[in-house]
């Protein structure tokens, strides 16, 4: 639904509206998980 709304807003400014995909980035969560794991093994 947000893609459609964004597309309608962008249509006023550009000719062809690209298809935009939003993905969940869990890189920060993984970094914290690994950081905690290392702290368990390293004093």
N, C-alpha and C. Protein backbone atom coordinates (compact mmCIF):
# COMPACT_ATOMS: atom_id res chain seq x y z
N UNK A 1 0.82 -1.19 0.00
CA UNK A 1 0.00 0.00 0.00
C UNK A 1 0.87 1.26 0.00
N UNK A 2 1.94 1.24 0.76
CA UNK A 2 2.82 2.40 0.80
C UNK A 2 3.49 2.63 -0.54
N UNK A 3 3.84 1.53 -1.24
CA UNK A 3 4.46 1.67 -2.56
C UNK A 3 3.53 2.40 -3.52
N UNK A 4 2.26 2.09 -3.45
CA UNK A 4 1.30 2.72 -4.36
C UNK A 4 1.18 4.21 -4.03
N UNK A 5 1.09 4.55 -2.76
CA UNK A 5 1.01 5.95 -2.36
C UNK A 5 2.27 6.70 -2.77
N UNK A 6 3.43 6.10 -2.53
CA UNK A 6 4.70 6.72 -2.92
C UNK A 6 4.75 6.88 -4.42
N UNK A 7 4.29 5.89 -5.15
CA UNK A 7 4.27 5.97 -6.61
C UNK A 7 3.40 7.09 -7.12
N UNK A 8 2.25 7.28 -6.49
CA UNK A 8 1.35 8.36 -6.90
C UNK A 8 1.97 9.72 -6.64
N UNK A 9 2.68 9.86 -5.53
CA UNK A 9 3.36 11.12 -5.22
C UNK A 9 4.50 11.39 -6.19
N UNK A 10 5.27 10.35 -6.50
CA UNK A 10 6.40 10.52 -7.41
C UNK A 10 5.96 10.75 -8.85
N UNK A 11 4.78 10.27 -9.19
CA UNK A 11 4.28 10.41 -10.56
C UNK A 11 4.18 11.86 -10.99
N UNK A 12 3.97 12.74 -10.02
CA UNK A 12 3.87 14.17 -10.32
C UNK A 12 5.21 14.73 -10.79
N UNK A 13 6.32 14.08 -10.42
CA UNK A 13 7.64 14.63 -10.67
C UNK A 13 8.45 13.88 -11.73
N UNK A 14 8.13 12.61 -11.97
CA UNK A 14 8.91 11.84 -12.93
C UNK A 14 7.96 11.12 -13.88
N UNK A 15 8.48 10.75 -15.05
CA UNK A 15 7.66 10.11 -16.07
C UNK A 15 7.34 8.66 -15.73
N UNK A 16 8.37 7.87 -15.44
CA UNK A 16 8.17 6.45 -15.19
C UNK A 16 8.45 6.16 -13.72
N UNK A 17 7.52 5.54 -13.04
CA UNK A 17 7.66 5.24 -11.62
C UNK A 17 8.31 3.87 -11.47
N UNK A 18 9.49 3.81 -10.84
CA UNK A 18 10.15 2.51 -10.66
C UNK A 18 9.45 1.68 -9.58
N UNK A 19 9.63 0.37 -9.65
CA UNK A 19 9.11 -0.51 -8.62
C UNK A 19 10.11 -0.50 -7.46
N UNK A 20 9.66 -0.09 -6.28
CA UNK A 20 10.53 0.02 -5.12
C UNK A 20 10.18 -1.09 -4.13
N UNK A 21 11.18 -1.87 -3.76
CA UNK A 21 11.00 -2.94 -2.79
C UNK A 21 11.65 -2.54 -1.48
N UNK A 22 10.92 -2.70 -0.39
CA UNK A 22 11.44 -2.43 0.94
C UNK A 22 11.75 -3.77 1.61
N UNK A 23 12.95 -3.87 2.17
CA UNK A 23 13.35 -5.10 2.83
C UNK A 23 13.75 -4.80 4.26
N UNK A 24 13.56 -5.78 5.12
CA UNK A 24 13.96 -5.65 6.51
C UNK A 24 15.44 -5.96 6.64
N UNK A 25 16.19 -5.01 7.16
CA UNK A 25 17.63 -5.19 7.33
C UNK A 25 17.90 -5.50 8.80
N UNK A 26 18.34 -6.72 9.07
CA UNK A 26 18.61 -7.13 10.44
C UNK A 26 20.10 -7.19 10.74
N UNK A 27 20.90 -6.45 9.96
CA UNK A 27 22.35 -6.45 10.15
C UNK A 27 22.74 -5.96 11.53
N UNK A 28 22.10 -4.91 12.00
CA UNK A 28 22.42 -4.35 13.32
C UNK A 28 22.08 -5.35 14.43
N UNK A 29 20.95 -6.02 14.31
CA UNK A 29 20.58 -7.04 15.30
C UNK A 29 21.60 -8.17 15.33
N UNK A 30 22.05 -8.59 14.16
CA UNK A 30 23.04 -9.66 14.08
C UNK A 30 24.37 -9.21 14.69
N UNK A 31 24.75 -7.96 14.48
CA UNK A 31 25.98 -7.43 15.05
C UNK A 31 25.93 -7.46 16.58
N UNK A 32 24.80 -7.05 17.15
CA UNK A 32 24.65 -7.09 18.61
C UNK A 32 24.68 -8.53 19.14
N UNK A 33 24.05 -9.43 18.40
CA UNK A 33 24.04 -10.83 18.82
C UNK A 33 25.46 -11.39 18.84
N UNK A 34 26.22 -11.14 17.79
CA UNK A 34 27.60 -11.64 17.74
C UNK A 34 28.47 -10.95 18.77
N UNK A 35 28.25 -9.68 19.00
CA UNK A 35 29.01 -8.94 20.00
C UNK A 35 28.79 -9.55 21.39
N UNK A 36 27.57 -9.85 21.72
CA UNK A 36 27.27 -10.48 23.01
C UNK A 36 27.88 -11.88 23.11
N UNK A 37 27.87 -12.59 22.01
CA UNK A 37 28.44 -13.92 21.98
C UNK A 37 29.95 -13.86 22.23
N UNK A 38 30.63 -12.91 21.60
CA UNK A 38 32.07 -12.77 21.82
C UNK A 38 32.39 -12.37 23.25
N UNK A 39 31.57 -11.52 23.82
CA UNK A 39 31.82 -11.09 25.21
C UNK A 39 31.66 -12.25 26.20
N UNK A 40 30.88 -13.25 25.85
CA UNK A 40 30.73 -14.41 26.71
C UNK A 40 32.03 -15.25 26.75
N UNK A 41 32.73 -15.31 25.62
CA UNK A 41 33.93 -16.12 25.53
C UNK A 41 35.22 -15.36 25.82
N UNK A 42 35.20 -14.06 25.59
CA UNK A 42 36.39 -13.27 25.83
C UNK A 42 36.18 -12.38 27.06
N UNK A 43 37.10 -12.39 27.99
CA UNK A 43 36.90 -11.58 29.21
C UNK A 43 37.00 -10.10 28.94
